[in-house]
Amino acid sequence: MLYLEYRNLYEHYLHFLESRFNFSIVEHLMCCNELLIDYLGNIYDYDFNRMANIPAKTRDRKILTVAQ
């Protein structure tokens, strides 16, 4: 996001994403039925979250790992 803000492209990018959103594919997204696990055992519920280092959490906000 910092790059987009620096280049004054953030709003344009949000509009781009919004204009191409296709609700009919949501039920087929990987995050609905798959988990990602990194080499340290951290669990992610979506590919973008993995790249942003946002791990999956329990309902009481504890980070999920395969060690638990």
C-alpha atoms as a PDB file:
ATOM      1  CA  MET A   1       0.000   0.000   0.000  1.00  0.00           C
ATOM      2  CA  LEU A   2       2.830   2.408   0.687  1.00  0.00           C
ATOM      3  CA  TYR A   3       3.979   2.184  -2.918  1.00  0.00           C
ATOM      4  CA  LEU A   4       0.476   2.943  -4.190  1.00  0.00           C
ATOM      5  CA  GLU A   5       0.141   5.880  -1.836  1.00  0.00           C
ATOM      6  CA  TYR A   6       3.574   7.190  -2.783  1.00  0.00           C
ATOM      7  CA  ARG A   7       2.606   7.058  -6.467  1.00  0.00           C
ATOM      8  CA  ASN A   8      -0.882   8.475  -5.775  1.00  0.00           C
ATOM      9  CA  LEU A   9      -2.410   5.289  -7.167  1.00  0.00           C
ATOM     10  CA  TYR A  10      -4.177   3.956  -4.076  1.00  0.00           C
ATOM     11  CA  GLU A  11      -7.656   5.295  -4.925  1.00  0.00           C
ATOM     12  CA  HIS A  12      -7.278   4.228  -8.545  1.00  0.00           C
ATOM     13  CA  TYR A  13      -6.306   0.726  -7.443  1.00  0.00           C
ATOM     14  CA  LEU A  14      -9.297   0.458  -5.088  1.00  0.00           C
ATOM     15  CA  HIS A  15     -11.592   1.530  -7.913  1.00  0.00           C
ATOM     16  CA  PHE A  16      -9.938  -1.017 -10.205  1.00  0.00           C
ATOM     17  CA  LEU A  17     -10.548  -3.822  -7.690  1.00  0.00           C
ATOM     18  CA  GLU A  18     -14.124  -2.747  -7.017  1.00  0.00           C
ATOM     19  CA  SER A  19     -15.012  -2.485 -10.699  1.00  0.00           C
ATOM     20  CA  ARG A  20     -13.778  -6.024 -11.375  1.00  0.00           C
ATOM     21  CA  PHE A  21     -15.283  -7.753  -8.349  1.00  0.00           C
ATOM     22  CA  ASN A  22     -17.321 -10.789  -9.331  1.00  0.00           C
ATOM     23  CA  PHE A  23     -19.548 -11.986  -6.498  1.00  0.00           C
ATOM     24  CA  SER A  24     -20.398 -15.229  -8.312  1.00  0.00           C
ATOM     25  CA  ILE A  25     -16.873 -16.581  -7.772  1.00  0.00           C
ATOM     26  CA  VAL A  26     -16.753 -15.977  -4.024  1.00  0.00           C
ATOM     27  CA  GLU A  27     -18.010 -19.460  -3.178  1.00  0.00           C
ATOM     28  CA  HIS A  28     -15.127 -20.957  -5.191  1.00  0.00           C
ATOM     29  CA  LEU A  29     -12.313 -19.002  -3.583  1.00  0.00           C
ATOM     30  CA  MET A  30      -9.484 -20.980  -2.072  1.00  0.00           C
ATOM     31  CA  CYS A  31      -9.899 -19.305   1.319  1.00  0.00           C
ATOM     32  CA  CYS A  32     -13.299 -20.929   1.747  1.00  0.00           C
ATOM     33  CA  ASN A  33     -11.984 -24.481   1.878  1.00  0.00           C
ATOM     34  CA  GLU A  34      -8.192 -24.437   2.176  1.00  0.00           C
ATOM     35  CA  LEU A  35      -5.554 -23.299   4.639  1.00  0.00           C
ATOM     36  CA  LEU A  36      -1.972 -22.265   3.996  1.00  0.00           C
ATOM     37  CA  ILE A  37       0.806 -23.314   6.343  1.00  0.00           C
ATOM     38  CA  ASP A  38       4.242 -21.725   6.152  1.00  0.00           C
ATOM     39  CA  TYR A  39       7.532 -23.449   6.939  1.00  0.00           C
ATOM     40  CA  LEU A  40       7.338 -22.257  10.564  1.00  0.00           C
ATOM     41  CA  GLY A  41       3.914 -23.842  11.090  1.00  0.00           C
ATOM     42  CA  ASN A  42       1.886 -20.634  11.017  1.00  0.00           C
ATOM     43  CA  ILE A  43      -1.614 -21.045   9.567  1.00  0.00           C
ATOM     44  CA  TYR A  44      -3.150 -18.567   7.123  1.00  0.00           C
ATOM     45  CA  ASP A  45      -6.727 -18.567   5.863  1.00  0.00           C
ATOM     46  CA  TYR A  46      -6.063 -16.713   2.633  1.00  0.00           C
ATOM     47  CA  ASP A  47      -3.142 -16.284   0.245  1.00  0.00           C
ATOM     48  CA  PHE A  48      -3.141 -12.490   0.565  1.00  0.00           C
ATOM     49  CA  ASN A  49      -3.030 -12.838   4.341  1.00  0.00           C
ATOM     50  CA  ARG A  50      -0.004 -15.113   4.000  1.00  0.00           C
ATOM     51  CA  MET A  51       1.810 -12.541   1.876  1.00  0.00           C
ATOM     52  CA  ALA A  52       0.866  -9.775   4.331  1.00  0.00           C
ATOM     53  CA  ASN A  53       1.876 -11.984   7.300  1.00  0.00           C
ATOM     54  CA  ILE A  54      -1.615 -11.907   8.846  1.00  0.00           C
ATOM     55  CA  PRO A  55      -2.071 -15.332  10.457  1.00  0.00           C
ATOM     56  CA  ALA A  56      -5.396 -17.017  11.112  1.00  0.00           C
ATOM     57  CA  LYS A  57      -6.702 -16.581  14.655  1.00  0.00           C
ATOM     58  CA  THR A  58      -9.085 -18.364  16.980  1.00  0.00           C
ATOM     59  CA  ARG A  59     -12.326 -16.748  18.118  1.00  0.00           C
ATOM     60  CA  ASP A  60     -10.516 -15.472  21.188  1.00  0.00           C
ATOM     61  CA  ARG A  61      -7.876 -13.878  18.891  1.00  0.00           C
ATOM     62  CA  LYS A  62      -5.020 -16.340  19.515  1.00  0.00           C
ATOM     63  CA  ILE A  63      -2.772 -16.984  16.514  1.00  0.00           C
ATOM     64  CA  LEU A  64      -3.195 -20.470  15.055  1.00  0.00           C
ATOM     65  CA  THR A  65      -0.180 -22.688  14.395  1.00  0.00           C
ATOM     66  CA  VAL A  66       0.184 -26.394  13.696  1.00  0.00           C
ATOM     67  CA  ALA A  67       1.907 -26.737  17.094  1.00  0.00           C
ATOM     68  CA  GLN A  68      -1.330 -26.055  18.961  1.00  0.00           C
END
